[in-house]
Protein backbone atom coordinates (compact mmCIF):
# COMPACT_ATOMS: atom_id res chain seq x y z
CA MET A 1 -19.83 -4.65 -0.92
CA ALA A 2 -16.32 -3.76 -1.91
CA ALA A 3 -15.65 -1.27 -4.66
CA ALA A 4 -15.14 -2.38 -8.26
CA PHE A 5 -14.40 -0.82 -11.65
CA GLU A 6 -15.40 -1.28 -15.28
CA ALA A 7 -13.04 0.23 -17.86
CA SER A 8 -15.76 1.23 -20.32
CA GLY A 9 -17.56 3.86 -18.26
CA ALA A 10 -19.20 4.43 -14.89
CA LEU A 11 -18.18 2.57 -11.78
CA ALA A 12 -19.68 -0.91 -11.59
CA ALA A 13 -19.13 -4.18 -9.77
CA VAL A 14 -17.74 -6.61 -12.25
CA ALA A 15 -16.55 -9.78 -10.55
CA THR A 16 -16.57 -11.72 -7.33
CA ALA A 17 -13.10 -13.05 -6.68
CA MET A 18 -13.19 -13.68 -2.95
CA PRO A 19 -15.57 -14.72 -0.17
CA ALA A 20 -18.76 -12.71 0.18
CA GLU A 21 -16.96 -9.92 1.98
CA HIS A 22 -14.63 -9.19 -0.93
CA VAL A 23 -15.08 -8.10 -4.52
CA ALA A 24 -12.21 -8.03 -6.99
CA VAL A 25 -11.27 -5.05 -9.07
CA GLN A 26 -11.40 -6.76 -12.45
CA VAL A 27 -11.14 -5.16 -15.87
CA PRO A 28 -10.95 -6.82 -19.29
CA ALA A 29 -7.33 -7.53 -20.17
CA PRO A 30 -5.78 -5.84 -23.20
CA GLU A 31 -5.43 -7.68 -26.50
CA PRO A 32 -2.55 -10.16 -26.16
CA THR A 33 0.81 -8.87 -27.34
CA PRO A 34 3.14 -11.47 -28.84
CA GLY A 35 6.10 -11.87 -26.57
CA PRO A 36 7.52 -9.40 -24.02
CA VAL A 37 7.44 -5.69 -24.80
CA ARG A 38 10.18 -3.07 -24.63
CA ILE A 39 9.10 -0.03 -22.64
CA LEU A 40 10.28 3.25 -21.20
CA ARG A 41 11.55 3.39 -17.65
CA THR A 42 8.82 2.88 -15.06
CA ALA A 43 8.74 2.70 -11.29
CA GLN A 44 10.17 -0.81 -11.52
CA ASP A 45 12.76 -0.03 -14.20
CA LEU A 46 14.94 2.77 -12.99
CA SER A 47 18.31 2.19 -14.62
CA SER A 48 17.69 1.44 -18.30
CA PRO A 49 15.09 0.01 -20.70
CA ARG A 50 14.72 -3.77 -20.44
CA THR A 51 12.27 -6.49 -21.36
CA ARG A 52 9.33 -6.70 -18.93
CA THR A 53 6.21 -8.85 -18.75
CA GLY A 54 2.71 -7.42 -19.01
CA ASP A 55 2.08 -7.02 -15.27
CA VAL A 56 4.82 -4.40 -14.80
CA LEU A 57 4.16 -2.19 -17.81
CA LEU A 58 1.38 -0.11 -19.30
CA ALA A 59 0.28 -0.37 -22.90
CA GLU A 60 -0.72 3.31 -22.86
CA PRO A 61 1.23 6.26 -21.41
CA ALA A 62 0.44 7.29 -17.84
CA ASP A 63 2.20 9.28 -15.18
CA PHE A 64 1.89 9.96 -11.46
CA GLU A 65 0.57 13.46 -12.17
CA SER A 66 -2.64 11.82 -13.37
CA LEU A 67 -3.22 10.40 -9.88
CA LEU A 68 -3.60 13.91 -8.40
CA LEU A 69 -1.07 13.32 -5.64
CA SER A 70 0.24 16.16 -3.52
CA ARG A 71 3.09 18.19 -4.97
CA PRO A 72 5.73 17.04 -2.42
CA VAL A 73 4.87 13.39 -3.08
CA LEU A 74 5.03 13.89 -6.85
CA GLU A 75 8.37 15.64 -6.56
CA GLY A 76 9.63 12.89 -4.27
CA LEU A 77 8.59 10.16 -6.69
CA ARG A 78 10.42 11.97 -9.46
CA ALA A 79 13.53 12.50 -7.32
CA ALA A 80 13.54 8.82 -6.35
CA GLY A 81 13.44 7.79 -10.00
CA PHE A 82 9.80 6.74 -10.23
CA GLU A 83 8.84 8.13 -13.63
CA ARG A 84 5.72 6.17 -14.59
CA PRO A 85 3.30 4.11 -12.48
CA SER A 86 3.13 0.38 -13.01
CA PRO A 87 -0.32 -1.19 -13.55
CA VAL A 88 -0.73 -2.18 -9.89
CA GLN A 89 0.15 1.36 -8.81
CA LEU A 90 -2.32 2.81 -11.29
CA LYS A 91 -5.04 0.51 -9.95
CA ALA A 92 -4.41 0.69 -6.22
CA ILE A 93 -3.19 4.21 -5.40
CA PRO A 94 -6.45 6.01 -6.32
CA LEU A 95 -8.48 3.50 -4.29
CA GLY A 96 -6.20 3.86 -1.28
CA ARG A 97 -6.44 7.64 -1.46
CA CYS A 98 -10.23 7.28 -1.21
CA GLY A 99 -9.77 5.68 2.21
CA LEU A 100 -10.83 2.18 1.19
CA ASP A 101 -9.52 -0.93 2.89
CA LEU A 102 -7.42 -2.68 0.24
CA ILE A 103 -6.03 -6.14 -0.41
CA VAL A 104 -3.36 -5.86 -3.10
CA GLN A 105 -2.12 -9.07 -4.70
CA ALA A 106 0.73 -8.85 -7.19
CA LYS A 107 3.99 -10.68 -7.68
CA SER A 108 7.33 -9.35 -6.50
CA GLY A 109 8.79 -6.60 -8.65
CA THR A 110 5.49 -4.99 -9.65
CA GLY A 111 5.71 -2.02 -7.29
CA LYS A 112 3.63 -2.98 -4.24
CA THR A 113 5.90 -1.17 -1.78
CA CYS A 114 5.59 2.04 -3.78
CA VAL A 115 1.78 1.62 -3.67
CA PHE A 116 1.40 1.74 0.10
CA SER A 117 4.31 4.15 0.59
CA THR A 118 2.67 6.67 -1.75
CA ILE A 119 -0.75 6.26 -0.14
CA ALA A 120 0.79 6.66 3.31
CA LEU A 121 2.83 9.76 2.46
CA ASP A 122 -0.03 11.45 0.64
CA SER A 123 -2.29 11.06 3.69
CA LEU A 124 0.12 12.46 6.29
CA VAL A 125 -0.42 15.63 8.28
CA LEU A 126 3.18 16.67 8.91
CA GLU A 127 2.21 19.23 11.53
CA ASN A 128 0.90 16.37 13.67
CA LEU A 129 3.97 14.66 15.15
CA SER A 130 2.07 11.65 16.51
CA THR A 131 2.38 8.27 14.82
CA GLN A 132 -0.30 8.21 12.12
CA ILE A 133 0.76 5.17 10.09
CA LEU A 134 1.86 1.73 11.29
CA ILE A 135 3.48 -0.76 8.90
CA LEU A 136 4.27 -4.35 9.89
CA ALA A 137 6.83 -6.48 8.05
CA PRO A 138 7.78 -10.15 8.57
CA THR A 139 11.57 -9.61 8.62
CA ARG A 140 14.10 -6.97 9.58
CA GLU A 141 15.35 -6.76 6.01
CA ILE A 142 11.89 -6.02 4.63
CA ALA A 143 11.28 -3.40 7.33
CA VAL A 144 14.53 -1.64 6.44
CA GLN A 145 13.68 -1.80 2.74
CA ILE A 146 10.24 -0.25 3.36
CA HIS A 147 11.87 2.55 5.36
CA SER A 148 14.27 3.20 2.48
CA VAL A 149 11.45 3.49 -0.06
CA ILE A 150 9.36 5.77 2.16
CA THR A 151 12.24 8.12 2.94
CA ALA A 152 13.24 8.22 -0.74
CA ILE A 153 9.74 9.14 -1.91
CA GLY A 154 9.25 11.46 1.06
CA ILE A 155 12.47 13.39 0.48
CA LYS A 156 10.56 16.56 -0.46
CA MET A 157 8.33 16.41 2.63
CA GLU A 158 10.02 18.74 5.09
CA GLY A 159 9.95 17.39 8.63
CA LEU A 160 8.96 13.83 7.71
CA GLU A 161 9.80 11.35 10.47
CA CYS A 162 9.81 7.65 9.55
CA HIS A 163 11.60 5.13 11.75
CA VAL A 164 12.22 1.37 11.90
CA PHE A 165 11.47 -0.57 15.09
CA ILE A 166 12.91 -4.09 15.20
CA GLY A 167 14.43 -6.41 17.76
CA GLY A 168 18.08 -6.01 18.67
CA THR A 169 17.99 -2.21 18.99
CA PRO A 170 17.87 -0.32 22.31
CA LEU A 171 14.37 0.34 23.63
CA SER A 172 15.55 3.72 24.90
CA GLN A 173 16.36 4.70 21.32
CA ASP A 174 12.91 3.59 20.17
CA LYS A 175 11.27 5.61 22.94
CA THR A 176 13.10 8.75 21.84
CA ARG A 177 12.25 8.26 18.17
CA LEU A 178 8.57 7.72 18.89
CA LYS A 179 8.28 11.21 20.34
CA LYS A 180 8.43 12.47 16.74
CA CYS A 181 7.39 9.72 14.36
CA HIS A 182 4.80 10.03 11.60
CA ILE A 183 5.34 6.52 10.20
CA ALA A 184 6.43 3.51 12.25
CA VAL A 185 7.75 0.46 10.39
CA GLY A 186 8.54 -2.63 12.38
CA SER A 187 8.26 -6.27 13.27
CA PRO A 188 5.11 -7.43 15.09
CA GLY A 189 7.02 -8.46 18.21
CA ARG A 190 8.79 -5.14 18.72
CA ILE A 191 5.70 -3.06 17.88
CA LYS A 192 3.63 -5.03 20.41
CA GLN A 193 6.33 -4.47 23.02
CA LEU A 194 6.42 -0.72 22.36
CA ILE A 195 2.64 -0.47 22.74
CA GLU A 196 2.74 -2.47 25.99
CA LEU A 197 5.41 -0.10 27.35
CA ASP A 198 3.31 2.94 26.36
CA TYR A 199 6.09 4.16 24.09
CA LEU A 200 3.86 3.90 21.02
CA ASN A 201 0.35 5.34 21.24
CA PRO A 202 -1.92 3.11 19.12
CA GLY A 203 -4.80 5.57 19.42
CA SER A 204 -3.22 7.94 16.90
CA ILE A 205 -2.90 5.32 14.12
CA ARG A 206 -5.14 6.03 11.12
CA LEU A 207 -3.57 3.70 8.55
CA PHE A 208 -2.49 0.12 9.32
CA ILE A 209 -0.47 -1.74 6.67
CA LEU A 210 0.57 -5.40 6.46
CA ASP A 211 3.39 -5.97 3.97
CA GLU A 212 3.93 -9.57 2.86
CA ALA A 213 0.61 -10.35 4.55
CA ASP A 214 0.75 -14.02 3.55
CA LYS A 215 3.97 -14.42 5.53
CA LEU A 216 2.75 -12.34 8.48
CA LEU A 217 -0.48 -14.30 8.89
CA GLU A 218 0.53 -17.86 8.03
CA GLU A 219 0.01 -20.44 10.75
CA GLY A 220 2.66 -20.37 13.44
CA SER A 221 4.05 -16.97 12.49
CA PHE A 222 2.90 -13.62 13.89
CA GLN A 223 -0.88 -13.97 13.91
CA GLU A 224 -1.29 -13.82 17.69
CA GLN A 225 0.83 -10.66 17.93
CA ILE A 226 -0.97 -9.04 14.99
CA ASN A 227 -4.35 -9.84 16.54
CA TRP A 228 -3.20 -8.10 19.71
CA ILE A 229 -1.89 -5.06 17.85
CA TYR A 230 -5.04 -4.84 15.73
CA SER A 231 -7.27 -4.90 18.82
CA SER A 232 -5.37 -1.94 20.28
CA LEU A 233 -5.88 0.28 17.21
CA PRO A 234 -8.83 2.64 16.61
CA ALA A 235 -11.89 1.09 14.99
CA SER A 236 -11.99 3.87 12.39
CA LYS A 237 -8.58 3.14 10.85
CA GLN A 238 -7.94 2.33 7.20
CA MET A 239 -6.16 -0.95 6.47
CA LEU A 240 -4.03 -2.17 3.56
CA ALA A 241 -2.72 -5.70 3.08
CA VAL A 242 -0.14 -6.46 0.40
CA SER A 243 0.76 -9.97 -0.69
CA ALA A 244 2.23 -11.91 -3.60
CA THR A 245 -0.23 -14.77 -2.96
CA TYR A 246 -3.78 -15.00 -1.64
CA PRO A 247 -4.28 -18.42 -0.02
CA GLU A 248 -7.47 -19.37 1.81
CA PHE A 249 -5.97 -18.83 5.27
CA LEU A 250 -5.11 -15.25 4.34
CA ALA A 251 -8.64 -14.59 3.06
CA ASN A 252 -10.08 -15.91 6.33
CA ALA A 253 -7.69 -13.87 8.47
CA LEU A 254 -8.21 -10.59 6.62
CA THR A 255 -11.99 -11.01 6.77
CA LYS A 256 -11.69 -10.52 10.53
CA TYR A 257 -9.71 -7.31 10.17
CA MET A 258 -11.18 -5.41 7.23
CA ARG A 259 -14.40 -3.58 6.43
CA ASP A 260 -15.71 -4.48 2.96
CA PRO A 261 -12.21 -4.52 1.45
CA THR A 262 -11.52 -3.84 -2.20
CA PHE A 263 -9.42 -6.56 -3.82
CA VAL A 264 -6.82 -5.41 -6.35
CA ARG A 265 -5.30 -8.30 -8.24
CA LEU A 266 -2.43 -8.17 -10.66
CA ASN A 267 -0.53 -11.26 -11.69
CA SER A 268 0.62 -13.05 -14.80
CA SER A 269 -2.87 -14.39 -15.55
CA ASP A 270 -4.55 -11.01 -15.00
CA PRO A 271 -1.99 -8.68 -16.53
CA SER A 272 -3.11 -5.07 -16.30
CA LEU A 273 -5.74 -2.40 -16.08
CA ILE A 274 -5.24 -0.29 -19.17
CA ALA A 275 -8.24 2.03 -19.03
CA LEU A 276 -8.47 2.88 -15.32
CA LEU A 277 -6.67 6.17 -15.76
CA CYS A 278 -9.57 7.43 -17.89
CA ARG A 279 -11.99 6.63 -15.07
CA PHE A 280 -9.99 8.07 -12.16
CA GLU A 281 -11.96 11.32 -12.22
CA ALA A 282 -15.15 9.31 -11.70
CA VAL A 283 -13.58 7.77 -8.60
CA LEU A 284 -12.65 11.17 -7.21
CA GLN A 285 -16.21 12.40 -7.62
CA SER A 286 -17.38 9.68 -5.24
CA CYS A 287 -14.65 10.30 -2.66
CA GLN A 288 -14.19 12.88 0.05
CA PHE A 289 -10.57 13.30 1.10
CA ILE A 290 -10.29 14.02 4.82
CA PRO A 291 -6.77 14.57 6.25
CA PHE A 292 -5.92 12.43 9.26
CA GLY A 293 -5.40 15.48 11.40
CA THR A 294 -8.95 16.85 11.02
């Protein structure tokens, strides 16, 4: 069964929110607060204090230091302006660092891109120049945005190579970039083409991420290409899927890809996980962190 948390103490399965293969990470919501709350700057509020709803703020102080991330990643988050984790980041990043397959559902603006970018960067072995992480996006604009977030957070990681691979760019340029590329971000069509041409070695991928998974896997979109890409990747990979919605077709599709995934939900009806920070040490005790390069 998938992993689950209870805020009051030891780890425990608390709710079934998906088909039999999935279990939701569910924690009692905090006492309702009348109206929106004014907060300090967080990862989703970088310019000035403003009114935010409960799914993008924490009722209790927390910081990225508490997540025991590597020093370069912490320094990069700080340099990029990410001062405090949002609730979805506080819930999902520790689970992703444990190597679990994750389905993260949260609305736009809650910090989902920072979630998988941080997990990806923290898992990298920079000395290994092969492509270790593959991220698929449904549009060019989203792929470019992901690249911008990763390079901003990874600014303190000397030698980091992250590149975008989308249609309309020369294949010769892609071939050159893939000779030194830790993280590949691209559209399903171009990534499939690069694998077919033997420019991208799928055997080195250890983390496979679907951003906007509901758009990637909806009927008539990219499902055939993603199925092909997935079948070319190692069986032992970790997988993350990020989506603002979780319709039935997405649940059915992800069931085929993932191994006992953990479901992290954060939306307006399930506002935040306030006490998870206190339990993070318990999670670490049950995890063994193994770098991709070992």
